[in-house]
C-alpha atoms as a PDB file:
ATOM      1  CA  UNK A   1     100.146 102.046  87.218  1.00  0.00           C
ATOM      2  CA  UNK A   2     100.960 105.630  87.919  1.00  0.00           C
ATOM      3  CA  UNK A   3      98.460 107.874  89.627  1.00  0.00           C
ATOM      4  CA  UNK A   4      98.719 110.352  86.760  1.00  0.00           C
ATOM      5  CA  UNK A   5      97.579 107.737  84.249  1.00  0.00           C
ATOM      6  CA  UNK A   6      94.226 107.636  86.035  1.00  0.00           C
ATOM      7  CA  UNK A   7      93.996 111.437  86.276  1.00  0.00           C
ATOM      8  CA  UNK A   8      93.392 111.040  90.003  1.00  0.00           C
ATOM      9  CA  UNK A   9      94.995 112.110  93.244  1.00  0.00           C
ATOM     10  CA  UNK A  10      96.846 109.653  95.449  1.00  0.00           C
ATOM     11  CA  UNK A  11      93.958 109.793  97.920  1.00  0.00           C
ATOM     12  CA  UNK A  12      91.439 108.993  95.213  1.00  0.00           C
ATOM     13  CA  UNK A  13      93.440 105.990  94.051  1.00  0.00           C
ATOM     14  CA  UNK A  14      93.728 104.781  97.655  1.00  0.00           C
ATOM     15  CA  UNK A  15      89.964 105.033  98.112  1.00  0.00           C
ATOM     16  CA  UNK A  16      89.305 103.350  94.755  1.00  0.00           C
ATOM     17  CA  UNK A  17      91.662 100.522  95.769  1.00  0.00           C
ATOM     18  CA  UNK A  18      89.824 100.038  99.059  1.00  0.00           C
ATOM     19  CA  UNK A  19      86.483 100.017  97.234  1.00  0.00           C
ATOM     20  CA  UNK A  20      87.851  97.355  94.861  1.00  0.00           C
ATOM     21  CA  UNK A  21      88.725  94.948  97.703  1.00  0.00           C
ATOM     22  CA  UNK A  22      85.355  93.431  98.609  1.00  0.00           C
ATOM     23  CA  UNK A  23      81.762  94.626  98.323  1.00  0.00           C
ATOM     24  CA  UNK A  24      81.526  94.957 102.105  1.00  0.00           C
ATOM     25  CA  UNK A  25      84.673  97.093 102.454  1.00  0.00           C
ATOM     26  CA  UNK A  26      83.494 100.664 102.853  1.00  0.00           C
ATOM     27  CA  UNK A  27      86.151 103.287 103.541  1.00  0.00           C
ATOM     28  CA  UNK A  28      84.993 106.211 105.651  1.00  0.00           C
ATOM     29  CA  UNK A  29      87.305 109.119 104.906  1.00  0.00           C
ATOM     30  CA  UNK A  30      87.033 112.160 107.082  1.00  0.00           C
ATOM     31  CA  UNK A  31      87.603 115.748 106.105  1.00  0.00           C
ATOM     32  CA  UNK A  32      86.754 119.273 107.149  1.00  0.00           C
ATOM     33  CA  UNK A  33      86.999 120.738 103.679  1.00  0.00           C
ATOM     34  CA  UNK A  34      84.293 120.565 101.040  1.00  0.00           C
ATOM     35  CA  UNK A  35      86.806 120.272  98.197  1.00  0.00           C
ATOM     36  CA  UNK A  36      88.334 117.193  99.847  1.00  0.00           C
ATOM     37  CA  UNK A  37      84.864 115.702 100.300  1.00  0.00           C
ATOM     38  CA  UNK A  38      84.210 116.192  96.602  1.00  0.00           C
ATOM     39  CA  UNK A  39      87.605 114.688  95.780  1.00  0.00           C
ATOM     40  CA  UNK A  40      86.833 111.665  97.972  1.00  0.00           C
ATOM     41  CA  UNK A  41      83.423 111.175  96.368  1.00  0.00           C
ATOM     42  CA  UNK A  42      84.995 111.315  92.902  1.00  0.00           C
ATOM     43  CA  UNK A  43      87.036 108.227  93.826  1.00  0.00           C
ATOM     44  CA  UNK A  44      83.901 106.139  93.287  1.00  0.00           C
ATOM     45  CA  UNK A  45      84.181 106.897  89.566  1.00  0.00           C
ATOM     46  CA  UNK A  46      87.720 105.539  89.217  1.00  0.00           C
ATOM     47  CA  UNK A  47      87.794 102.138  87.580  1.00  0.00           C
ATOM     48  CA  UNK A  48      90.768 100.006  88.479  1.00  0.00           C
ATOM     49  CA  UNK A  49      91.508  96.999  86.295  1.00  0.00           C
ATOM     50  CA  UNK A  50      92.788  93.755  87.816  1.00  0.00           C
ATOM     51  CA  UNK A  51      96.403  94.701  87.030  1.00  0.00           C
ATOM     52  CA  UNK A  52      95.964  98.018  88.860  1.00  0.00           C
ATOM     53  CA  UNK A  53      94.548  96.283  91.941  1.00  0.00           C
ATOM     54  CA  UNK A  54      97.321  93.686  91.847  1.00  0.00           C
ATOM     55  CA  UNK A  55     100.006  96.372  91.617  1.00  0.00           C
ATOM     56  CA  UNK A  56      98.486  98.286  94.518  1.00  0.00           C
ATOM     57  CA  UNK A  57      98.144  95.052  96.532  1.00  0.00           C
ATOM     58  CA  UNK A  58     101.842  94.349  95.985  1.00  0.00           C
ATOM     59  CA  UNK A  59     102.792  97.890  97.013  1.00  0.00           C
ATOM     60  CA  UNK A  60     100.653  97.618 100.141  1.00  0.00           C
ATOM     61  CA  UNK A  61     102.156  94.256 101.070  1.00  0.00           C
ATOM     62  CA  UNK A  62     105.651  95.733 100.921  1.00  0.00           C
ATOM     63  CA  UNK A  63     104.878  98.306 103.635  1.00  0.00           C
ATOM     64  CA  UNK A  64     106.125  97.228 107.034  1.00  0.00           C
ATOM     65  CA  UNK A  65     103.626  98.141 109.725  1.00  0.00           C
ATOM     66  CA  UNK A  66     105.257  99.303 112.938  1.00  0.00           C
ATOM     67  CA  UNK A  67     103.836  99.786 116.381  1.00  0.00           C
ATOM     68  CA  UNK A  68     100.734  98.550 118.070  1.00  0.00           C
ATOM     69  CA  UNK A  69      97.243  99.205 116.841  1.00  0.00           C
ATOM     70  CA  UNK A  70      96.047 100.282 120.295  1.00  0.00           C
ATOM     71  CA  UNK A  71      97.706 101.177 123.594  1.00  0.00           C
ATOM     72  CA  UNK A  72      98.252  98.056 125.711  1.00  0.00           C
ATOM     73  CA  UNK A  73      95.369  98.768 128.131  1.00  0.00           C
ATOM     74  CA  UNK A  74      92.893  99.141 125.263  1.00  0.00           C
ATOM     75  CA  UNK A  75      94.213  96.015 123.552  1.00  0.00           C
ATOM     76  CA  UNK A  76      93.564  93.965 126.696  1.00  0.00           C
ATOM     77  CA  UNK A  77      89.926  95.079 126.637  1.00  0.00           C
ATOM     78  CA  UNK A  78      89.655  94.334 122.905  1.00  0.00           C
ATOM     79  CA  UNK A  79      91.108  90.831 123.351  1.00  0.00           C
ATOM     80  CA  UNK A  80      88.440  89.721 125.847  1.00  0.00           C
END
């Protein structure tokens, strides 16, 4: 799938992919600009087929995450 084939921005496809994960997954994008808010809301109208979700899952799995999620002191509190 290419973003252009959906007529959507990369951000919209990312939000649509998150929405397609599970019914309880709710992305909370932040923005200061009204046009970005409208763009984010439009992501709810993007329909991804199973092949699209699979392709995006594969792309996500190939990204190597680096670094810690939290600073060490915060992680110790979170691990209690």
